[in-house]
PDB file of N, CA and C in Angstrom:
ATOM      1  N   UNK A   1      84.675   8.087 -42.751  1.00  0.00           N
ATOM      2  CA  UNK A   1      85.056   9.192 -43.617  1.00  0.00           C
ATOM      3  C   UNK A   1      83.821   9.886 -44.187  1.00  0.00           C
ATOM      4  N   UNK A   2      82.825   9.111 -44.589  1.00  0.00           N
ATOM      5  CA  UNK A   2      81.605   9.694 -45.151  1.00  0.00           C
ATOM      6  C   UNK A   2      80.894  10.550 -44.113  1.00  0.00           C
ATOM      7  N   UNK A   3      80.931  10.096 -42.849  1.00  0.00           N
ATOM      8  CA  UNK A   3      80.275  10.860 -41.796  1.00  0.00           C
ATOM      9  C   UNK A   3      80.978  12.201 -41.595  1.00  0.00           C
ATOM     10  N   UNK A   4      82.289  12.214 -41.626  1.00  0.00           N
ATOM     11  CA  UNK A   4      83.019  13.475 -41.465  1.00  0.00           C
ATOM     12  C   UNK A   4      82.710  14.420 -42.614  1.00  0.00           C
ATOM     13  N   UNK A   5      82.586  13.884 -43.806  1.00  0.00           N
ATOM     14  CA  UNK A   5      82.248  14.703 -44.960  1.00  0.00           C
ATOM     15  C   UNK A   5      80.863  15.311 -44.800  1.00  0.00           C
ATOM     16  N   UNK A   6      79.914  14.517 -44.326  1.00  0.00           N
ATOM     17  CA  UNK A   6      78.551  15.015 -44.111  1.00  0.00           C
ATOM     18  C   UNK A   6      78.533  16.088 -43.031  1.00  0.00           C
ATOM     19  N   UNK A   7      79.281  15.878 -41.954  1.00  0.00           N
ATOM     20  CA  UNK A   7      79.343  16.859 -40.870  1.00  0.00           C
ATOM     21  C   UNK A   7      79.993  18.142 -41.374  1.00  0.00           C
ATOM     22  N   UNK A   8      81.059  18.025 -42.125  1.00  0.00           N
ATOM     23  CA  UNK A   8      81.745  19.196 -42.676  1.00  0.00           C
ATOM     24  C   UNK A   8      80.820  19.995 -43.587  1.00  0.00           C
ATOM     25  N   UNK A   9      80.101  19.310 -44.447  1.00  0.00           N
ATOM     26  CA  UNK A   9      79.154  19.987 -45.345  1.00  0.00           C
ATOM     27  C   UNK A   9      78.075  20.691 -44.544  1.00  0.00           C
ATOM     28  N   UNK A  10      77.544  20.010 -43.534  1.00  0.00           N
ATOM     29  CA  UNK A  10      76.518  20.611 -42.689  1.00  0.00           C
ATOM     30  C   UNK A  10      77.048  21.859 -41.995  1.00  0.00           C
ATOM     31  N   UNK A  11      78.257  21.757 -41.453  1.00  0.00           N
ATOM     32  CA  UNK A  11      78.861  22.901 -40.758  1.00  0.00           C
ATOM     33  C   UNK A  11      79.062  24.086 -41.691  1.00  0.00           C
ATOM     34  N   UNK A  12      79.521  23.815 -42.894  1.00  0.00           N
ATOM     35  CA  UNK A  12      79.726  24.915 -43.854  1.00  0.00           C
ATOM     36  C   UNK A  12      78.414  25.623 -44.162  1.00  0.00           C
ATOM     37  N   UNK A  13      77.340  24.876 -44.261  1.00  0.00           N
ATOM     38  CA  UNK A  13      76.028  25.480 -44.528  1.00  0.00           C
ATOM     39  C   UNK A  13      75.476  26.199 -43.299  1.00  0.00           C
ATOM     40  N   UNK A  14      75.779  25.686 -42.115  1.00  0.00           N
ATOM     41  CA  UNK A  14      75.241  26.247 -40.873  1.00  0.00           C
ATOM     42  C   UNK A  14      76.071  27.405 -40.322  1.00  0.00           C
ATOM     43  N   UNK A  15      77.304  27.540 -40.746  1.00  0.00           N
ATOM     44  CA  UNK A  15      78.212  28.539 -40.172  1.00  0.00           C
ATOM     45  C   UNK A  15      77.623  29.954 -40.102  1.00  0.00           C
ATOM     46  N   UNK A  16      76.914  30.422 -41.122  1.00  0.00           N
ATOM     47  CA  UNK A  16      76.357  31.783 -41.021  1.00  0.00           C
ATOM     48  C   UNK A  16      75.410  31.967 -39.834  1.00  0.00           C
ATOM     49  N   UNK A  17      74.804  30.894 -39.369  1.00  0.00           N
ATOM     50  CA  UNK A  17      73.893  30.969 -38.217  1.00  0.00           C
ATOM     51  C   UNK A  17      74.633  31.067 -36.888  1.00  0.00           C
ATOM     52  N   UNK A  18      75.944  30.899 -36.906  1.00  0.00           N
ATOM     53  CA  UNK A  18      76.746  30.909 -35.689  1.00  0.00           C
ATOM     54  C   UNK A  18      77.722  32.083 -35.631  1.00  0.00           C
ATOM     55  N   UNK A  19      77.457  33.098 -36.426  1.00  0.00           N
ATOM     56  CA  UNK A  19      78.307  34.285 -36.423  1.00  0.00           C
ATOM     57  C   UNK A  19      77.882  35.201 -35.276  1.00  0.00           C
ATOM     58  N   UNK A  20      78.850  35.574 -34.465  1.00  0.00           N
ATOM     59  CA  UNK A  20      78.611  36.513 -33.376  1.00  0.00           C
ATOM     60  C   UNK A  20      78.453  37.903 -33.982  1.00  0.00           C
ATOM     61  N   UNK A  21      77.354  38.549 -33.697  1.00  0.00           N
ATOM     62  CA  UNK A  21      77.068  39.863 -34.299  1.00  0.00           C
ATOM     63  C   UNK A  21      78.017  40.950 -33.822  1.00  0.00           C
ATOM     64  N   UNK A  22      78.564  40.774 -32.638  1.00  0.00           N
ATOM     65  CA  UNK A  22      79.483  41.783 -32.108  1.00  0.00           C
ATOM     66  C   UNK A  22      80.880  41.666 -32.709  1.00  0.00           C
ATOM     67  N   UNK A  23      81.344  40.441 -32.905  1.00  0.00           N
ATOM     68  CA  UNK A  23      82.718  40.244 -33.369  1.00  0.00           C
ATOM     69  C   UNK A  23      82.815  39.850 -34.835  1.00  0.00           C
ATOM     70  N   UNK A  24      81.731  39.315 -35.390  1.00  0.00           N
ATOM     71  CA  UNK A  24      81.764  38.823 -36.766  1.00  0.00           C
ATOM     72  C   UNK A  24      82.432  37.471 -36.907  1.00  0.00           C
ATOM     73  N   UNK A  25      82.778  36.847 -35.773  1.00  0.00           N
ATOM     74  CA  UNK A  25      83.443  35.546 -35.793  1.00  0.00           C
ATOM     75  C   UNK A  25      82.432  34.425 -35.617  1.00  0.00           C
ATOM     76  N   UNK A  26      82.759  33.280 -36.199  1.00  0.00           N
ATOM     77  CA  UNK A  26      81.926  32.100 -36.048  1.00  0.00           C
ATOM     78  C   UNK A  26      82.172  31.495 -34.665  1.00  0.00           C
ATOM     79  N   UNK A  27      81.111  31.172 -33.956  1.00  0.00           N
ATOM     80  CA  UNK A  27      81.199  30.497 -32.662  1.00  0.00           C
ATOM     81  C   UNK A  27      81.431  29.013 -32.958  1.00  0.00           C
ATOM     82  N   UNK A  28      82.693  28.634 -33.033  1.00  0.00           N
ATOM     83  CA  UNK A  28      83.052  27.261 -33.406  1.00  0.00           C
ATOM     84  C   UNK A  28      82.561  26.247 -32.379  1.00  0.00           C
ATOM     85  N   UNK A  29      82.558  26.612 -31.111  1.00  0.00           N
ATOM     86  CA  UNK A  29      82.080  25.692 -30.084  1.00  0.00           C
ATOM     87  C   UNK A  29      80.589  25.420 -30.257  1.00  0.00           C
ATOM     88  N   UNK A  30      79.829  26.461 -30.483  1.00  0.00           N
ATOM     89  CA  UNK A  30      78.394  26.297 -30.708  1.00  0.00           C
ATOM     90  C   UNK A  30      78.118  25.482 -31.953  1.00  0.00           C
ATOM     91  N   UNK A  31      78.906  25.711 -32.989  1.00  0.00           N
ATOM     92  CA  UNK A  31      78.760  24.962 -34.235  1.00  0.00           C
ATOM     93  C   UNK A  31      79.060  23.481 -34.002  1.00  0.00           C
ATOM     94  N   UNK A  32      80.116  23.183 -33.250  1.00  0.00           N
ATOM     95  CA  UNK A  32      80.474  21.792 -32.954  1.00  0.00           C
ATOM     96  C   UNK A  32      79.401  21.113 -32.109  1.00  0.00           C
ATOM     97  N   UNK A  33      78.908  21.823 -31.111  1.00  0.00           N
ATOM     98  CA  UNK A  33      77.877  21.241 -30.248  1.00  0.00           C
ATOM     99  C   UNK A  33      76.599  20.962 -31.027  1.00  0.00           C
ATOM    100  N   UNK A  34      76.236  21.858 -31.909  1.00  0.00           N
ATOM    101  CA  UNK A  34      75.038  21.665 -32.709  1.00  0.00           C
ATOM    102  C   UNK A  34      75.202  20.491 -33.682  1.00  0.00           C
ATOM    103  N   UNK A  35      76.377  20.384 -34.274  1.00  0.00           N
ATOM    104  CA  UNK A  35      76.645  19.263 -35.186  1.00  0.00           C
ATOM    105  C   UNK A  35      76.596  17.939 -34.432  1.00  0.00           C
ATOM    106  N   UNK A  36      77.168  17.912 -33.237  1.00  0.00           N
ATOM    107  CA  UNK A  36      77.141  16.689 -32.435  1.00  0.00           C
ATOM    108  C   UNK A  36      75.713  16.281 -32.117  1.00  0.00           C
ATOM    109  N   UNK A  37      74.902  17.258 -31.811  1.00  0.00           N
ATOM    110  CA  UNK A  37      73.495  16.978 -31.524  1.00  0.00           C
ATOM    111  C   UNK A  37      72.765  16.524 -32.785  1.00  0.00           C
ATOM    112  N   UNK A  38      73.000  17.212 -33.871  1.00  0.00           N
ATOM    113  CA  UNK A  38      72.318  16.928 -35.136  1.00  0.00           C
ATOM    114  C   UNK A  38      72.657  15.544 -35.679  1.00  0.00           C
ATOM    115  N   UNK A  39      73.926  15.137 -35.523  1.00  0.00           N
ATOM    116  CA  UNK A  39      74.389  13.854 -36.064  1.00  0.00           C
ATOM    117  C   UNK A  39      74.546  12.773 -35.001  1.00  0.00           C
ATOM    118  N   UNK A  40      74.169  13.089 -33.753  1.00  0.00           N
ATOM    119  CA  UNK A  40      74.279  12.141 -32.650  1.00  0.00           C
ATOM    120  C   UNK A  40      75.702  11.582 -32.553  1.00  0.00           C
ATOM    121  N   UNK A  41      76.657  12.472 -32.380  1.00  0.00           N
ATOM    122  CA  UNK A  41      78.074  12.108 -32.396  1.00  0.00           C
ATOM    123  C   UNK A  41      78.682  11.897 -31.020  1.00  0.00           C
ATOM    124  N   UNK A  42      77.883  11.865 -29.996  1.00  0.00           N
ATOM    125  CA  UNK A  42      78.401  11.734 -28.641  1.00  0.00           C
ATOM    126  C   UNK A  42      79.090  10.394 -28.433  1.00  0.00           C
ATOM    127  N   UNK A  43      80.169  10.406 -27.662  1.00  0.00           N
ATOM    128  CA  UNK A  43      80.935   9.187 -27.417  1.00  0.00           C
ATOM    129  C   UNK A  43      80.241   8.239 -26.457  1.00  0.00           C
ATOM    130  N   UNK A  44      79.409   8.784 -25.558  1.00  0.00           N
ATOM    131  CA  UNK A  44      78.639   7.938 -24.655  1.00  0.00           C
ATOM    132  C   UNK A  44      77.432   8.724 -24.155  1.00  0.00           C
ATOM    133  N   UNK A  45      76.565   8.056 -23.445  1.00  0.00           N
ATOM    134  CA  UNK A  45      75.330   8.676 -22.953  1.00  0.00           C
ATOM    135  C   UNK A  45      75.403   9.029 -21.465  1.00  0.00           C
ATOM    136  N   UNK A  46      76.585   8.961 -20.892  1.00  0.00           N
ATOM    137  CA  UNK A  46      76.738   9.303 -19.485  1.00  0.00           C
ATOM    138  C   UNK A  46      76.939  10.802 -19.321  1.00  0.00           C
ATOM    139  N   UNK A  47      77.978  11.320 -19.940  1.00  0.00           N
ATOM    140  CA  UNK A  47      78.245  12.750 -19.843  1.00  0.00           C
ATOM    141  C   UNK A  47      78.293  13.433 -21.218  1.00  0.00           C
ATOM    142  N   UNK A  48      77.922  12.704 -22.258  1.00  0.00           N
ATOM    143  CA  UNK A  48      77.783  13.212 -23.617  1.00  0.00           C
ATOM    144  C   UNK A  48      79.018  13.965 -24.129  1.00  0.00           C
ATOM    145  N   UNK A  49      80.192  13.354 -24.059  1.00  0.00           N
ATOM    146  CA  UNK A  49      81.374  14.022 -24.603  1.00  0.00           C
ATOM    147  C   UNK A  49      81.329  14.041 -26.136  1.00  0.00           C
ATOM    148  N   UNK A  50      81.809  15.126 -26.683  1.00  0.00           N
ATOM    149  CA  UNK A  50      81.857  15.288 -28.137  1.00  0.00           C
ATOM    150  C   UNK A  50      83.274  14.941 -28.599  1.00  0.00           C
ATOM    151  N   UNK A  51      83.412  14.135 -29.645  1.00  0.00           N
ATOM    152  CA  UNK A  51      84.748  13.780 -30.143  1.00  0.00           C
ATOM    153  C   UNK A  51      85.535  15.025 -30.572  1.00  0.00           C
ATOM    154  N   UNK A  52      86.821  14.983 -30.341  1.00  0.00           N
ATOM    155  CA  UNK A  52      87.691  16.123 -30.655  1.00  0.00           C
ATOM    156  C   UNK A  52      87.656  16.491 -32.139  1.00  0.00           C
ATOM    157  N   UNK A  53      87.488  15.496 -33.009  1.00  0.00           N
ATOM    158  CA  UNK A  53      87.485  15.791 -34.444  1.00  0.00           C
ATOM    159  C   UNK A  53      86.333  16.708 -34.832  1.00  0.00           C
ATOM    160  N   UNK A  54      85.249  16.687 -34.071  1.00  0.00           N
ATOM    161  CA  UNK A  54      84.112  17.571 -34.358  1.00  0.00           C
ATOM    162  C   UNK A  54      84.518  19.017 -34.092  1.00  0.00           C
ATOM    163  N   UNK A  55      85.223  19.249 -32.992  1.00  0.00           N
ATOM    164  CA  UNK A  55      85.708  20.599 -32.687  1.00  0.00           C
ATOM    165  C   UNK A  55      86.750  21.050 -33.708  1.00  0.00           C
ATOM    166  N   UNK A  56      87.588  20.118 -34.156  1.00  0.00           N
ATOM    167  CA  UNK A  56      88.587  20.447 -35.168  1.00  0.00           C
ATOM    168  C   UNK A  56      87.925  20.889 -36.472  1.00  0.00           C
ATOM    169  N   UNK A  57      86.890  20.157 -36.890  1.00  0.00           N
ATOM    170  CA  UNK A  57      86.170  20.546 -38.108  1.00  0.00           C
ATOM    171  C   UNK A  57      85.509  21.910 -37.944  1.00  0.00           C
ATOM    172  N   UNK A  58      84.926  22.156 -36.788  1.00  0.00           N
ATOM    173  CA  UNK A  58      84.267  23.437 -36.542  1.00  0.00           C
ATOM    174  C   UNK A  58      85.272  24.584 -36.611  1.00  0.00           C
ATOM    175  N   UNK A  59      86.450  24.385 -36.051  1.00  0.00           N
ATOM    176  CA  UNK A  59      87.486  25.412 -36.115  1.00  0.00           C
ATOM    177  C   UNK A  59      87.914  25.657 -37.557  1.00  0.00           C
ATOM    178  N   UNK A  60      88.048  24.597 -38.315  1.00  0.00           N
ATOM    179  CA  UNK A  60      88.406  24.700 -39.735  1.00  0.00           C
ATOM    180  C   UNK A  60      87.351  25.489 -40.499  1.00  0.00           C
ATOM    181  N   UNK A  61      86.097  25.177 -40.260  1.00  0.00           N
ATOM    182  CA  UNK A  61      84.999  25.870 -40.942  1.00  0.00           C
ATOM    183  C   UNK A  61      84.955  27.340 -40.527  1.00  0.00           C
ATOM    184  N   UNK A  62      85.178  27.611 -39.253  1.00  0.00           N
ATOM    185  CA  UNK A  62      85.176  28.998 -38.775  1.00  0.00           C
ATOM    186  C   UNK A  62      86.248  29.812 -39.476  1.00  0.00           C
ATOM    187  N   UNK A  63      87.426  29.243 -39.634  1.00  0.00           N
ATOM    188  CA  UNK A  63      88.516  29.939 -40.339  1.00  0.00           C
ATOM    189  C   UNK A  63      88.150  30.156 -41.801  1.00  0.00           C
ATOM    190  N   UNK A  64      87.635  29.128 -42.453  1.00  0.00           N
ATOM    191  CA  UNK A  64      87.220  29.246 -43.860  1.00  0.00           C
ATOM    192  C   UNK A  64      86.185  30.352 -44.012  1.00  0.00           C
ATOM    193  N   UNK A  65      85.181  30.342 -43.128  1.00  0.00           N
ATOM    194  CA  UNK A  65      84.086  31.313 -43.229  1.00  0.00           C
ATOM    195  C   UNK A  65      84.588  32.736 -43.029  1.00  0.00           C
ATOM    196  N   UNK A  66      85.476  32.918 -42.080  1.00  0.00           N
ATOM    197  CA  UNK A  66      85.992  34.256 -41.783  1.00  0.00           C
ATOM    198  C   UNK A  66      86.940  34.766 -42.855  1.00  0.00           C
ATOM    199  N   UNK A  67      87.531  33.849 -43.631  1.00  0.00           N
ATOM    200  CA  UNK A  67      88.425  34.251 -44.704  1.00  0.00           C
ATOM    201  C   UNK A  67      87.668  34.692 -45.960  1.00  0.00           C
ATOM    202  N   UNK A  68      86.365  34.417 -46.016  1.00  0.00           N
ATOM    203  CA  UNK A  68      85.589  34.767 -47.214  1.00  0.00           C
ATOM    204  C   UNK A  68      84.971  36.132 -47.092  1.00  0.00           C
TER     205      UNK A  68
END
């Protein structure tokens, strides 16, 4: 739970860096991939899959950011 909170906080702070200049939308996939890299959240070292909850948090943050 603490890790998800840390990732969520990081994403909220990083979201402005992932705004597409053409659309004004947050690139949630890029945000999730960067968070996975930053926090070493990969499920394995073979094909480096990112857990689904990371993408879910990124989508949540993107919606929050776009609503402000």
